[in-house]
N, C-alpha and C. Protein backbone atom coordinates (compact mmCIF):
# COMPACT_ATOMS: atom_id res chain seq x y z
N UNK A 1 52.94 21.17 37.83
CA UNK A 1 53.38 21.24 36.38
C UNK A 1 53.17 19.99 35.87
N UNK A 2 53.50 18.76 36.78
CA UNK A 2 53.47 17.58 36.36
C UNK A 2 51.92 17.09 36.04
N UNK A 3 51.10 17.78 36.88
CA UNK A 3 49.64 17.21 36.78
C UNK A 3 48.99 17.95 35.46
N UNK A 4 49.55 19.21 35.21
CA UNK A 4 48.99 20.04 34.20
C UNK A 4 49.47 19.27 32.80
N UNK A 5 50.87 18.89 32.66
CA UNK A 5 51.26 18.11 31.43
C UNK A 5 50.66 17.02 31.54
N UNK A 6 50.36 16.18 32.53
CA UNK A 6 49.74 14.80 32.39
C UNK A 6 48.32 14.96 31.94
N UNK A 7 47.66 15.91 32.48
CA UNK A 7 46.31 16.22 31.75
C UNK A 7 46.22 16.48 30.37
N UNK A 8 47.13 17.26 29.72
CA UNK A 8 47.23 17.58 28.48
C UNK A 8 47.60 16.33 27.64
N UNK A 9 48.36 15.56 28.25
CA UNK A 9 48.91 14.51 27.37
C UNK A 9 47.96 13.06 27.63
N UNK A 10 46.92 13.43 28.52
CA UNK A 10 46.34 12.08 28.48
C UNK A 10 45.49 11.63 27.32
N UNK A 11 45.28 10.48 27.13
CA UNK A 11 44.79 9.81 25.88
C UNK A 11 43.18 10.40 25.78
N UNK A 12 42.63 10.64 24.53
CA UNK A 12 41.30 11.02 24.33
C UNK A 12 40.73 9.97 23.23
N UNK A 13 39.68 9.59 23.43
CA UNK A 13 38.88 8.66 22.49
C UNK A 13 37.50 9.27 22.36
N UNK A 14 36.96 9.01 21.01
CA UNK A 14 35.65 9.36 20.76
C UNK A 14 34.57 8.36 21.43
N UNK A 15 33.44 9.00 21.47
CA UNK A 15 32.52 8.27 22.03
C UNK A 15 32.09 6.87 21.22
N UNK A 16 31.80 5.88 21.93
CA UNK A 16 31.29 4.83 21.29
C UNK A 16 29.90 4.75 20.66
N UNK A 17 29.60 3.88 19.74
CA UNK A 17 28.21 4.00 19.22
C UNK A 17 27.16 3.95 20.12
N UNK A 18 27.25 3.09 21.17
CA UNK A 18 26.26 2.97 22.13
C UNK A 18 26.27 4.22 22.99
N UNK A 19 27.35 4.97 23.32
CA UNK A 19 27.42 6.25 23.97
C UNK A 19 26.90 7.57 23.15
N UNK A 20 27.23 7.34 22.06
CA UNK A 20 26.46 8.62 21.00
C UNK A 20 25.01 8.33 21.05
N UNK A 21 24.55 6.99 20.92
CA UNK A 21 23.12 6.98 20.71
C UNK A 21 22.44 7.44 22.04
N UNK A 22 22.93 7.12 23.21
CA UNK A 22 22.52 7.75 24.62
C UNK A 22 22.53 9.28 24.75
N UNK A 23 23.64 9.89 24.18
CA UNK A 23 23.54 11.17 24.08
C UNK A 23 22.57 11.86 23.28
N UNK A 24 22.35 11.32 22.16
CA UNK A 24 21.39 11.70 21.23
C UNK A 24 19.96 11.58 21.79
N UNK A 25 19.69 10.27 22.36
CA UNK A 25 18.51 10.10 22.79
C UNK A 25 18.01 10.96 23.92
N UNK A 26 18.91 11.38 24.91
CA UNK A 26 18.78 12.09 26.11
C UNK A 26 18.53 13.68 25.56
N UNK A 27 19.25 14.13 24.49
CA UNK A 27 19.18 15.47 24.23
C UNK A 27 17.90 15.80 23.13
N UNK A 28 17.38 14.73 22.39
CA UNK A 28 16.40 14.85 21.68
C UNK A 28 14.88 14.37 22.15
N UNK A 29 15.10 13.12 22.75
CA UNK A 29 13.77 12.43 22.83
C UNK A 29 13.27 12.45 24.51
N UNK A 30 14.44 12.67 25.37
CA UNK A 30 13.93 12.63 26.71
C UNK A 30 13.08 13.72 27.13
N UNK A 31 11.89 13.57 27.85
CA UNK A 31 11.10 14.57 28.21
C UNK A 31 11.71 15.70 28.99
N UNK A 32 11.29 16.79 28.94
CA UNK A 32 11.78 18.00 29.90
C UNK A 32 11.07 17.81 31.01
N UNK A 33 11.78 17.89 32.25
CA UNK A 33 11.17 17.91 33.54
C UNK A 33 10.70 19.39 33.92
N UNK A 34 11.41 20.34 33.42
CA UNK A 34 10.90 21.79 33.54
C UNK A 34 11.28 22.61 32.32
N UNK A 35 10.10 22.43 31.40
CA UNK A 35 10.40 23.20 30.18
C UNK A 35 10.50 24.75 30.05
N UNK A 36 10.09 25.33 31.13
CA UNK A 36 10.39 26.86 31.08
C UNK A 36 11.81 27.12 31.80
N UNK A 37 12.47 26.19 32.08
CA UNK A 37 13.76 25.90 32.85
C UNK A 37 14.86 27.02 32.40
N UNK A 38 14.98 27.41 31.21
CA UNK A 38 16.12 28.35 30.58
C UNK A 38 15.38 29.46 30.26
N UNK A 39 14.13 29.80 30.43
CA UNK A 39 13.41 31.03 30.15
C UNK A 39 12.76 31.79 31.13
N UNK A 40 12.58 33.10 31.16
CA UNK A 40 11.95 33.91 32.26
C UNK A 40 10.54 33.37 32.45
N UNK A 41 10.12 33.55 33.56
CA UNK A 41 8.71 33.23 33.91
C UNK A 41 7.55 33.73 33.12
N UNK A 42 7.84 34.88 32.43
CA UNK A 42 6.87 35.56 31.66
C UNK A 42 6.53 34.80 30.37
N UNK A 43 7.28 33.71 30.08
CA UNK A 43 7.04 32.92 28.95
C UNK A 43 6.06 31.93 29.24
N UNK A 44 5.97 31.72 30.49
CA UNK A 44 4.85 30.55 30.88
C UNK A 44 3.46 30.77 30.23
N UNK A 45 2.65 31.89 30.58
CA UNK A 45 1.48 32.01 29.94
C UNK A 45 1.43 32.03 28.57
N UNK A 46 2.49 32.57 27.88
CA UNK A 46 2.56 32.35 26.37
C UNK A 46 2.48 30.89 26.00
N UNK A 47 3.39 30.06 26.50
CA UNK A 47 3.28 28.68 26.04
C UNK A 47 1.83 28.04 26.46
N UNK A 48 1.42 28.35 27.64
CA UNK A 48 0.20 27.49 28.03
C UNK A 48 -1.00 28.11 27.26
N UNK A 49 -0.90 29.21 26.81
CA UNK A 49 -2.24 29.86 26.24
C UNK A 49 -1.97 29.84 24.60
N UNK A 50 -1.09 30.01 24.13
CA UNK A 50 -0.82 30.21 22.72
C UNK A 50 -0.02 29.12 21.84
N UNK A 51 0.82 28.18 22.75
CA UNK A 51 1.58 27.36 22.02
C UNK A 51 1.14 25.90 22.13
N UNK A 52 1.29 25.34 23.40
CA UNK A 52 1.07 23.92 23.48
C UNK A 52 0.54 23.53 24.90
N UNK A 53 -0.22 24.43 25.59
CA UNK A 53 -0.65 24.14 26.87
C UNK A 53 -1.95 23.04 26.76
N UNK A 54 -2.37 22.33 27.73
CA UNK A 54 -3.48 21.56 27.73
C UNK A 54 -4.79 22.05 27.32
N UNK A 55 -4.95 23.47 27.30
CA UNK A 55 -6.26 24.27 26.88
C UNK A 55 -5.70 25.38 25.95
N UNK A 56 -4.78 25.14 25.19
CA UNK A 56 -4.18 26.12 24.55
C UNK A 56 -5.12 26.35 23.18
N UNK A 57 -4.86 27.54 22.63
CA UNK A 57 -5.64 27.91 21.38
C UNK A 57 -5.26 26.87 20.17
N UNK A 58 -3.92 26.48 20.04
CA UNK A 58 -3.49 25.64 18.81
C UNK A 58 -4.40 24.26 19.07
N UNK A 59 -4.43 23.83 20.25
CA UNK A 59 -5.09 22.60 20.63
C UNK A 59 -6.52 22.69 20.33
N UNK A 60 -7.22 23.79 20.54
CA UNK A 60 -8.50 23.89 20.50
C UNK A 60 -8.91 23.98 18.93
N UNK A 61 -8.00 24.72 18.11
CA UNK A 61 -8.27 24.85 16.70
C UNK A 61 -8.23 23.59 16.03
N UNK A 62 -7.10 22.76 16.50
CA UNK A 62 -6.85 21.50 15.81
C UNK A 62 -8.08 20.52 15.99
N UNK A 63 -8.65 20.73 17.37
CA UNK A 63 -9.83 20.05 17.70
C UNK A 63 -11.13 20.26 17.10
N UNK A 64 -11.18 21.76 16.50
CA UNK A 64 -12.38 22.08 16.12
C UNK A 64 -12.39 21.97 14.44
N UNK A 65 -11.25 21.74 13.93
CA UNK A 65 -11.24 21.72 12.31
C UNK A 65 -10.46 20.57 11.95
N UNK A 66 -11.13 19.47 11.65
CA UNK A 66 -10.65 18.21 11.36
C UNK A 66 -9.42 18.18 10.40
N UNK A 67 -9.47 19.06 9.31
CA UNK A 67 -8.38 19.11 8.36
C UNK A 67 -7.09 19.50 8.89
N UNK A 68 -7.26 20.26 10.02
CA UNK A 68 -5.94 20.79 10.77
C UNK A 68 -5.60 19.84 11.62
N UNK A 69 -6.59 19.21 12.49
CA UNK A 69 -6.34 18.30 13.48
C UNK A 69 -5.67 17.07 13.04
N UNK A 70 -6.01 16.73 11.79
CA UNK A 70 -5.37 15.57 11.21
C UNK A 70 -3.84 15.49 11.20
N UNK A 71 -3.30 16.81 11.05
CA UNK A 71 -1.79 17.04 10.98
C UNK A 71 -1.22 17.56 12.08
N UNK A 72 -2.19 17.85 12.94
CA UNK A 72 -1.72 18.71 14.44
C UNK A 72 -1.06 19.98 13.71
N UNK A 73 -1.87 20.67 12.57
CA UNK A 73 -1.27 21.71 12.07
C UNK A 73 -0.99 23.02 12.92
N UNK A 74 -1.90 23.39 13.67
CA UNK A 74 -1.95 24.54 14.46
C UNK A 74 -0.80 24.40 15.41
N UNK A 75 -0.71 23.23 16.24
CA UNK A 75 0.35 22.98 17.14
C UNK A 75 1.72 23.08 16.67
N UNK A 76 2.05 22.51 15.21
CA UNK A 76 3.15 22.57 14.69
C UNK A 76 3.42 23.80 14.12
N UNK A 77 2.67 24.67 13.70
CA UNK A 77 2.87 26.10 13.44
C UNK A 77 3.29 27.08 14.76
N UNK A 78 2.39 26.80 15.66
CA UNK A 78 2.93 27.52 16.87
C UNK A 78 4.14 27.22 17.46
N UNK A 79 4.54 25.84 17.46
CA UNK A 79 5.81 25.61 18.02
C UNK A 79 6.99 26.05 17.12
N UNK A 80 6.73 25.93 15.91
CA UNK A 80 7.85 26.57 14.91
C UNK A 80 8.00 28.18 15.14
N UNK A 81 6.83 28.85 15.44
CA UNK A 81 6.96 30.18 15.56
C UNK A 81 7.67 30.38 16.99
N UNK A 82 7.41 29.78 17.83
CA UNK A 82 7.79 29.87 19.37
C UNK A 82 9.31 29.49 19.35
N UNK A 83 9.75 28.50 18.76
CA UNK A 83 11.20 28.32 18.78
C UNK A 83 12.02 29.41 18.07
N UNK A 84 11.44 30.04 17.13
CA UNK A 84 12.14 31.30 16.62
C UNK A 84 12.16 32.50 17.59
N UNK A 85 10.75 32.57 18.18
CA UNK A 85 10.56 33.77 18.78
C UNK A 85 11.35 33.98 20.34
N UNK A 86 11.39 32.67 20.97
CA UNK A 86 12.10 32.81 22.45
C UNK A 86 13.43 33.19 22.33
N UNK A 87 14.31 32.76 21.52
CA UNK A 87 15.86 32.90 21.60
C UNK A 87 16.09 34.58 20.89
N UNK A 88 14.99 35.17 20.23
CA UNK A 88 15.38 36.39 19.66
C UNK A 88 14.40 37.49 20.34
N UNK A 89 14.10 37.20 21.34
CA UNK A 89 12.90 38.24 21.98
C UNK A 89 13.36 39.64 21.90
N UNK A 90 14.97 39.66 22.18
CA UNK A 90 15.38 41.13 22.22
C UNK A 90 16.11 41.45 20.86
N UNK A 91 15.83 41.03 19.81
CA UNK A 91 16.33 41.25 18.42
C UNK A 91 15.79 42.35 17.92
N UNK A 92 16.36 43.22 17.13
CA UNK A 92 15.93 44.34 16.46
C UNK A 92 14.88 43.95 15.54
N UNK A 93 15.17 42.85 14.61
CA UNK A 93 14.20 42.52 13.56
C UNK A 93 13.76 41.04 13.94
N UNK A 94 12.57 41.10 14.62
CA UNK A 94 11.94 39.79 15.09
C UNK A 94 11.22 39.23 14.18
N UNK A 95 10.65 37.92 14.16
CA UNK A 95 9.70 37.35 13.53
C UNK A 95 10.32 36.25 12.26
N UNK A 96 9.40 35.36 12.09
CA UNK A 96 9.72 34.47 11.10
C UNK A 96 8.59 34.69 9.88
N UNK A 97 9.34 34.63 8.74
CA UNK A 97 8.39 34.83 7.48
C UNK A 97 7.55 33.68 7.37
N UNK A 98 6.15 33.70 6.75
CA UNK A 98 5.35 32.59 6.57
C UNK A 98 5.83 31.71 5.73
N UNK A 99 6.57 31.78 4.71
CA UNK A 99 7.24 30.77 4.14
C UNK A 99 8.19 29.83 5.04
N UNK A 100 8.97 30.42 5.77
CA UNK A 100 9.85 29.77 6.60
C UNK A 100 9.15 29.10 7.76
N UNK A 101 7.93 29.52 8.23
CA UNK A 101 7.09 29.07 9.08
C UNK A 101 6.62 27.54 8.39
N UNK A 102 6.29 27.68 7.28
CA UNK A 102 5.73 26.42 6.48
C UNK A 102 6.91 25.35 6.21
N UNK A 103 8.14 26.05 6.11
CA UNK A 103 9.36 25.21 5.96
C UNK A 103 9.60 24.36 7.06
N UNK A 104 9.26 24.94 8.43
CA UNK A 104 9.57 24.34 9.55
C UNK A 104 8.61 23.49 9.99
N UNK A 105 7.33 23.41 9.35
CA UNK A 105 6.27 22.52 9.61
C UNK A 105 6.10 21.37 8.80
N UNK A 106 5.99 21.62 7.49
CA UNK A 106 5.50 20.82 6.36
C UNK A 106 6.50 19.57 6.28
N UNK A 107 5.87 18.37 6.19
CA UNK A 107 6.47 16.84 5.89
C UNK A 107 6.32 16.75 4.61
N UNK A 108 7.20 15.71 4.05
CA UNK A 108 7.00 15.23 2.57
C UNK A 108 5.67 14.72 2.43
N UNK A 109 4.90 15.25 1.32
CA UNK A 109 3.63 14.62 1.11
C UNK A 109 2.50 15.52 1.63
N UNK A 110 2.71 16.31 2.48
CA UNK A 110 1.72 17.26 3.15
C UNK A 110 1.55 18.59 2.32
N UNK A 111 0.42 19.08 2.32
CA UNK A 111 0.10 20.27 1.56
C UNK A 111 0.59 21.65 2.47
N UNK A 112 1.41 22.45 2.07
CA UNK A 112 1.66 23.77 2.65
C UNK A 112 0.29 24.66 3.14
N UNK A 113 -0.57 24.52 2.15
CA UNK A 113 -1.94 25.34 2.33
C UNK A 113 -2.55 25.05 3.76
N UNK A 114 -2.42 23.87 4.14
CA UNK A 114 -3.10 23.42 5.35
C UNK A 114 -2.37 24.11 6.61
N UNK A 115 -1.16 24.39 6.54
CA UNK A 115 -0.26 25.10 7.65
C UNK A 115 -0.57 26.72 7.40
N UNK A 116 -0.75 26.96 6.24
CA UNK A 116 -1.21 28.53 6.02
C UNK A 116 -2.46 28.71 6.47
N UNK A 117 -3.37 27.85 6.37
CA UNK A 117 -4.74 28.14 7.04
C UNK A 117 -4.51 28.13 8.47
N UNK A 118 -3.84 27.20 9.14
CA UNK A 118 -3.39 27.05 10.62
C UNK A 118 -2.90 28.36 11.05
N UNK A 119 -1.91 28.94 10.39
CA UNK A 119 -1.20 30.29 10.72
C UNK A 119 -2.33 31.51 10.54
N UNK A 120 -3.10 31.41 9.60
CA UNK A 120 -4.07 32.52 9.62
C UNK A 120 -5.01 32.47 10.93
N UNK A 121 -5.43 31.27 11.14
CA UNK A 121 -6.43 31.06 12.25
C UNK A 121 -5.64 31.64 13.62
N UNK A 122 -4.44 31.23 13.70
CA UNK A 122 -3.73 31.60 14.99
C UNK A 122 -3.57 33.12 14.94
N UNK A 123 -3.22 33.86 13.82
CA UNK A 123 -2.80 34.88 13.87
C UNK A 123 -4.03 35.86 14.03
N UNK A 124 -5.38 35.33 13.86
CA UNK A 124 -6.54 36.16 14.07
C UNK A 124 -6.94 35.88 15.52
N UNK A 125 -6.61 35.06 16.18
CA UNK A 125 -7.33 34.75 17.65
C UNK A 125 -6.25 34.77 18.73
N UNK A 126 -4.93 34.60 18.38
CA UNK A 126 -3.97 34.44 19.54
C UNK A 126 -3.64 35.74 20.35
N UNK A 127 -3.37 35.32 21.66
CA UNK A 127 -3.25 36.68 22.55
C UNK A 127 -1.77 37.27 22.41
N UNK A 128 -0.74 36.32 22.35
CA UNK A 128 0.57 36.97 22.14
C UNK A 128 1.28 36.76 20.77
N UNK A 129 0.62 36.54 19.85
CA UNK A 129 1.15 36.28 18.53
C UNK A 129 1.10 37.64 17.72
N UNK A 130 2.24 38.16 17.50
CA UNK A 130 2.18 39.45 16.54
C UNK A 130 2.58 39.21 15.10
N UNK A 131 2.05 40.09 14.28
CA UNK A 131 2.43 39.98 12.97
C UNK A 131 2.62 41.32 12.29
N UNK A 132 3.64 41.40 11.61
CA UNK A 132 4.22 42.47 10.65
C UNK A 132 4.49 42.15 9.40
N UNK A 133 3.41 42.28 8.44
CA UNK A 133 3.49 41.74 7.03
C UNK A 133 3.56 40.25 7.05
N UNK A 134 4.73 39.78 6.45
CA UNK A 134 4.82 38.22 6.31
C UNK A 134 5.43 37.59 7.40
N UNK A 135 5.75 38.41 8.52
CA UNK A 135 6.50 37.99 9.52
C UNK A 135 5.68 37.75 10.90
N UNK A 136 5.97 36.71 11.65
CA UNK A 136 5.26 36.50 12.80
C UNK A 136 6.11 36.01 13.90
N UNK A 137 5.75 36.53 15.31
CA UNK A 137 6.62 36.09 16.50
C UNK A 137 5.68 36.24 17.70
N UNK A 138 6.17 35.55 18.71
CA UNK A 138 5.56 35.44 19.93
C UNK A 138 6.31 36.63 20.89
N UNK A 139 5.29 37.31 21.73
CA UNK A 139 5.96 38.11 22.55
C UNK A 139 5.20 37.76 24.01
N UNK A 140 6.04 38.33 25.11
CA UNK A 140 5.52 38.05 26.33
C UNK A 140 4.47 38.88 26.66
N UNK A 141 4.11 40.14 25.88
CA UNK A 141 2.99 41.05 26.01
C UNK A 141 1.86 40.95 25.07
N UNK A 142 0.51 40.75 25.62
CA UNK A 142 -0.49 40.57 24.79
C UNK A 142 -0.50 41.84 23.65
N UNK A 143 -1.16 41.50 22.42
CA UNK A 143 -1.22 42.36 21.49
C UNK A 143 -2.32 43.28 21.77
N UNK A 144 -2.14 44.73 21.26
CA UNK A 144 -3.02 45.58 21.55
C UNK A 144 -4.53 45.17 20.96
N UNK A 145 -4.49 44.68 19.89
CA UNK A 145 -5.91 44.17 19.19
C UNK A 145 -6.53 43.27 20.23
N UNK A 146 -5.80 42.29 20.82
CA UNK A 146 -6.42 41.30 21.75
C UNK A 146 -6.77 41.89 23.04
N UNK A 147 -6.18 42.74 23.55
CA UNK A 147 -6.56 43.59 24.81
C UNK A 147 -7.92 44.17 24.65
N UNK A 148 -7.97 44.92 23.32
CA UNK A 148 -9.25 45.57 23.10
C UNK A 148 -10.33 44.62 22.78
N UNK A 149 -10.13 43.63 22.30
CA UNK A 149 -11.22 42.48 22.06
C UNK A 149 -11.64 41.93 23.42
N UNK A 150 -10.71 41.72 24.29
CA UNK A 150 -11.10 41.03 25.68
C UNK A 150 -11.83 42.05 26.42
N UNK A 151 -11.45 43.41 26.27
CA UNK A 151 -12.21 44.38 27.09
C UNK A 151 -13.50 44.48 26.52
N UNK A 152 -13.73 44.45 25.22
CA UNK A 152 -14.91 44.72 24.68
C UNK A 152 -16.00 43.54 25.03
N UNK A 153 -15.32 42.17 24.97
CA UNK A 153 -16.08 41.21 25.30
C UNK A 153 -16.60 41.40 26.77
N UNK A 154 -15.89 41.79 27.79
CA UNK A 154 -16.18 42.13 29.05
C UNK A 154 -17.33 43.10 29.23
N UNK A 155 -17.29 44.12 28.23
CA UNK A 155 -18.20 45.12 28.31
C UNK A 155 -19.63 44.59 27.91
N UNK A 156 -19.52 43.73 26.82
CA UNK A 156 -20.75 43.07 26.40
C UNK A 156 -21.48 42.29 27.33
N UNK A 157 -20.84 41.85 28.42
CA UNK A 157 -21.32 41.19 29.33
C UNK A 157 -22.14 42.09 30.48
N UNK A 158 -21.74 43.36 30.51
CA UNK A 158 -22.32 44.27 31.36
C UNK A 158 -22.91 45.47 30.61
N UNK A 159 -23.91 45.44 29.80
CA UNK A 159 -24.35 46.46 29.03
C UNK A 159 -24.89 47.85 29.91
N UNK A 160 -25.42 47.46 31.09
CA UNK A 160 -25.87 48.65 31.90
C UNK A 160 -24.66 49.53 32.18
N UNK A 161 -23.56 49.14 32.32
CA UNK A 161 -22.41 49.98 32.75
C UNK A 161 -22.01 50.73 31.78
N UNK A 162 -21.97 50.16 30.51
CA UNK A 162 -21.77 50.73 29.27
C UNK A 162 -22.76 51.96 28.95
N UNK A 163 -23.94 51.81 29.26
CA UNK A 163 -24.98 52.81 29.14
C UNK A 163 -24.65 53.93 30.14
N UNK A 164 -24.48 53.39 31.33
CA UNK A 164 -24.23 54.69 32.34
C UNK A 164 -23.00 55.48 31.93
N UNK A 165 -21.97 54.79 31.48
CA UNK A 165 -20.68 55.36 31.32
C UNK A 165 -20.87 56.36 29.94
N UNK A 166 -21.63 55.86 29.08
CA UNK A 166 -22.00 56.67 27.72
C UNK A 166 -22.62 57.85 28.11
N UNK A 167 -23.60 57.69 28.96
CA UNK A 167 -24.62 58.89 29.38
C UNK A 167 -23.83 60.05 30.16
N UNK A 168 -23.02 59.38 31.09
CA UNK A 168 -22.18 60.28 31.83
C UNK A 168 -21.16 61.23 31.14
N UNK A 169 -20.54 60.58 30.03
CA UNK A 169 -19.50 61.32 29.28
C UNK A 169 -20.39 62.31 28.37
N UNK A 170 -21.35 61.90 27.82
CA UNK A 170 -22.09 62.62 26.95
C UNK A 170 -22.64 64.01 27.69
N UNK A 171 -23.33 63.69 28.73
CA UNK A 171 -23.83 64.88 29.53
C UNK A 171 -22.69 65.94 29.91
N UNK A 172 -21.62 65.42 30.29
CA UNK A 172 -20.40 66.18 30.52
C UNK A 172 -19.93 67.04 29.31
N UNK A 173 -19.88 66.39 28.22
CA UNK A 173 -19.54 67.20 27.10
C UNK A 173 -20.63 68.14 26.65
N UNK A 174 -21.83 67.94 26.98
CA UNK A 174 -22.88 68.72 26.60
C UNK A 174 -23.12 70.03 27.53
N UNK A 175 -22.23 70.11 28.40
CA UNK A 175 -22.43 71.29 29.23
C UNK A 175 -21.93 72.60 28.51
N UNK A 176 -21.30 72.45 27.63
CA UNK A 176 -20.91 73.63 26.80
C UNK A 176 -21.95 73.51 25.39
N UNK A 177 -22.85 74.50 25.62
CA UNK A 177 -24.08 74.48 24.57
C UNK A 177 -23.63 75.02 23.30
N UNK A 178 -22.35 75.72 23.25
CA UNK A 178 -21.96 76.33 21.89
C UNK A 178 -22.88 77.45 21.42
N UNK A 179 -23.31 77.35 20.15
CA UNK A 179 -24.16 78.40 19.55
C UNK A 179 -25.63 78.06 19.87
N UNK A 180 -26.01 77.10 20.56
CA UNK A 180 -27.42 77.03 21.00
C UNK A 180 -27.84 77.55 22.18
N UNK A 181 -29.17 77.98 22.21
CA UNK A 181 -29.57 78.46 23.67
C UNK A 181 -29.81 77.42 24.52
N UNK A 182 -30.39 76.24 24.27
CA UNK A 182 -30.21 75.10 25.19
C UNK A 182 -30.00 73.83 24.37
N UNK A 183 -29.52 72.75 25.27
CA UNK A 183 -29.14 71.59 24.87
C UNK A 183 -30.04 70.46 25.61
N UNK A 184 -30.63 69.68 25.02
CA UNK A 184 -31.36 68.52 25.58
C UNK A 184 -30.76 67.24 25.37
N UNK A 185 -29.96 66.81 26.51
CA UNK A 185 -29.20 65.36 26.33
C UNK A 185 -30.28 64.21 26.57
N UNK A 186 -30.26 63.35 25.78
CA UNK A 186 -30.99 62.09 26.15
C UNK A 186 -32.44 62.12 26.58
N UNK A 187 -33.35 62.79 25.87
CA UNK A 187 -34.66 63.03 26.35
C UNK A 187 -35.30 61.58 26.04
N UNK A 188 -36.07 61.24 27.11
CA UNK A 188 -36.90 59.97 27.24
C UNK A 188 -38.25 60.05 26.20
N UNK A 189 -38.73 61.33 26.02
CA UNK A 189 -39.97 61.46 25.23
C UNK A 189 -39.98 62.78 24.79
N UNK A 190 -40.93 63.08 23.79
CA UNK A 190 -41.22 64.43 23.30
C UNK A 190 -41.47 65.39 24.45
N UNK A 191 -41.99 64.99 25.61
CA UNK A 191 -42.42 65.88 26.51
C UNK A 191 -41.35 66.62 27.25
N UNK A 192 -40.01 66.06 27.05
CA UNK A 192 -38.89 66.50 27.59
C UNK A 192 -38.25 67.75 26.78
N UNK A 193 -38.77 67.84 25.54
CA UNK A 193 -38.45 68.91 24.70
C UNK A 193 -39.49 69.84 24.46
N UNK A 194 -39.56 71.02 25.12
CA UNK A 194 -40.69 71.88 24.92
C UNK A 194 -40.67 72.57 23.40
N UNK A 195 -41.92 72.82 23.02
CA UNK A 195 -42.12 73.30 21.70
C UNK A 195 -41.95 74.85 21.49
N UNK A 196 -40.68 75.32 21.76
CA UNK A 196 -40.39 76.79 21.80
C UNK A 196 -39.66 77.06 20.39
N UNK A 197 -39.78 78.32 19.87
CA UNK A 197 -39.21 78.65 18.62
C UNK A 197 -37.78 78.85 18.50
N UNK A 198 -37.03 78.88 19.63
CA UNK A 198 -35.79 79.13 19.51
C UNK A 198 -35.03 77.74 19.03
N UNK A 199 -33.86 77.90 18.54
CA UNK A 199 -33.01 76.92 18.01
C UNK A 199 -32.24 76.08 19.09
N UNK A 200 -32.51 74.93 19.29
CA UNK A 200 -31.91 74.18 20.29
C UNK A 200 -31.19 72.79 19.93
N UNK A 201 -30.61 72.09 20.56
CA UNK A 201 -29.87 70.78 20.21
C UNK A 201 -30.47 69.75 21.12
N UNK A 202 -31.04 68.76 20.31
CA UNK A 202 -31.63 67.47 21.05
C UNK A 202 -30.65 66.46 20.75
N UNK A 203 -29.97 65.82 21.64
CA UNK A 203 -29.10 64.76 21.48
C UNK A 203 -29.90 63.31 21.99
N UNK A 204 -30.01 62.39 21.02
CA UNK A 204 -30.64 61.20 21.39
C UNK A 204 -29.66 60.09 21.86
N UNK A 205 -30.16 59.30 22.68
CA UNK A 205 -29.34 58.19 23.09
C UNK A 205 -29.24 56.96 21.92
N UNK A 206 -28.45 55.98 22.38
CA UNK A 206 -28.20 54.89 21.32
C UNK A 206 -29.37 53.91 21.26
N UNK A 207 -30.43 54.14 22.18
CA UNK A 207 -31.54 53.24 22.02
C UNK A 207 -32.60 53.98 21.43
N UNK A 208 -32.34 54.96 20.59
CA UNK A 208 -33.20 55.65 19.95
C UNK A 208 -33.14 55.56 18.37
N UNK A 209 -33.62 54.54 17.62
CA UNK A 209 -33.33 54.36 16.32
C UNK A 209 -34.23 55.42 15.44
N UNK A 210 -33.74 55.44 14.18
CA UNK A 210 -34.38 56.63 13.24
C UNK A 210 -35.15 55.56 12.27
N UNK A 211 -36.51 55.81 11.84
CA UNK A 211 -36.98 55.30 10.82
C UNK A 211 -37.84 56.23 10.03
N UNK A 212 -37.72 56.17 8.68
CA UNK A 212 -38.35 57.18 7.67
C UNK A 212 -39.90 57.21 7.84
N UNK A 213 -40.37 56.36 8.25
CA UNK A 213 -41.95 56.03 8.58
C UNK A 213 -42.30 56.65 9.89
N UNK A 214 -41.52 56.33 10.84
CA UNK A 214 -41.85 56.59 12.31
C UNK A 214 -41.08 57.91 12.82
N UNK A 215 -40.00 58.32 12.06
CA UNK A 215 -39.14 59.37 12.83
C UNK A 215 -38.41 58.87 13.74
N UNK A 216 -38.12 59.68 14.89
CA UNK A 216 -37.29 59.28 15.92
C UNK A 216 -38.07 58.59 17.01
N UNK A 217 -37.82 57.24 17.42
CA UNK A 217 -38.69 56.54 18.29
C UNK A 217 -37.65 56.12 19.65
N UNK A 218 -38.18 56.54 20.70
CA UNK A 218 -37.59 56.00 21.79
C UNK A 218 -38.47 54.97 22.60
N UNK A 219 -37.87 54.65 23.73
CA UNK A 219 -38.43 53.58 24.62
C UNK A 219 -39.76 53.98 25.22
N UNK A 220 -40.01 55.34 25.69
CA UNK A 220 -41.08 55.81 26.04
C UNK A 220 -42.13 56.68 25.54
N UNK A 221 -41.77 56.65 24.14
CA UNK A 221 -42.75 57.60 23.42
C UNK A 221 -41.80 57.97 22.10
N UNK A 222 -42.73 58.79 21.31
CA UNK A 222 -42.22 59.21 20.02
C UNK A 222 -41.80 60.77 19.99
N UNK A 223 -40.75 60.88 19.33
CA UNK A 223 -40.10 62.37 19.20
C UNK A 223 -40.41 62.61 17.94
N UNK A 224 -40.88 63.95 17.84
CA UNK A 224 -41.08 64.72 16.45
C UNK A 224 -39.60 64.58 15.70
N UNK A 225 -39.62 64.53 14.36
CA UNK A 225 -38.46 64.74 13.58
C UNK A 225 -37.77 65.99 13.56
């Protein structure tokens, strides 16, 4: 009981000016040894790719657009949104309004329009940045739009695979001839379509453009209109 009373009655004094300075310096200016220390690991790719990594999108945008790079505008916008997003990842109403994003970025004498431009560029290219009207936030899950764009880009690098998949699905769908006596899927030339009098369906491939002067033209010959 004596120890408890003694502890309560012990003298208290505020931190000195030197101690206060050291506390503030450590909390505000000392670099983090482990910046994802208080966050789950799934935030690491968000930071590295969309916020402030050495090859992050904001850094690339600032490097490519001198007017933004002059102010580090993209990085300042990304940091502002991130600082709002990480603590409220599970909140019902997430996001920071664009005017508040600018409020968190713009310094006296700087134009808010510069940071609005940076925000638009980030929103159009970032992997983890979501937008709902005027509100923006980062999530640990990539956006559906970005996933679709990435997969489309992969398919562009392998066009033969796309053509094979297209042909396979089309031929499968055309097994049901409907009201036609016969169906001719993806003919290579006019010789693949006999000149019979019954009504048939001819389905051309994506490599068969149409011209008013030439009719239907394919790679191996000409088809009648």
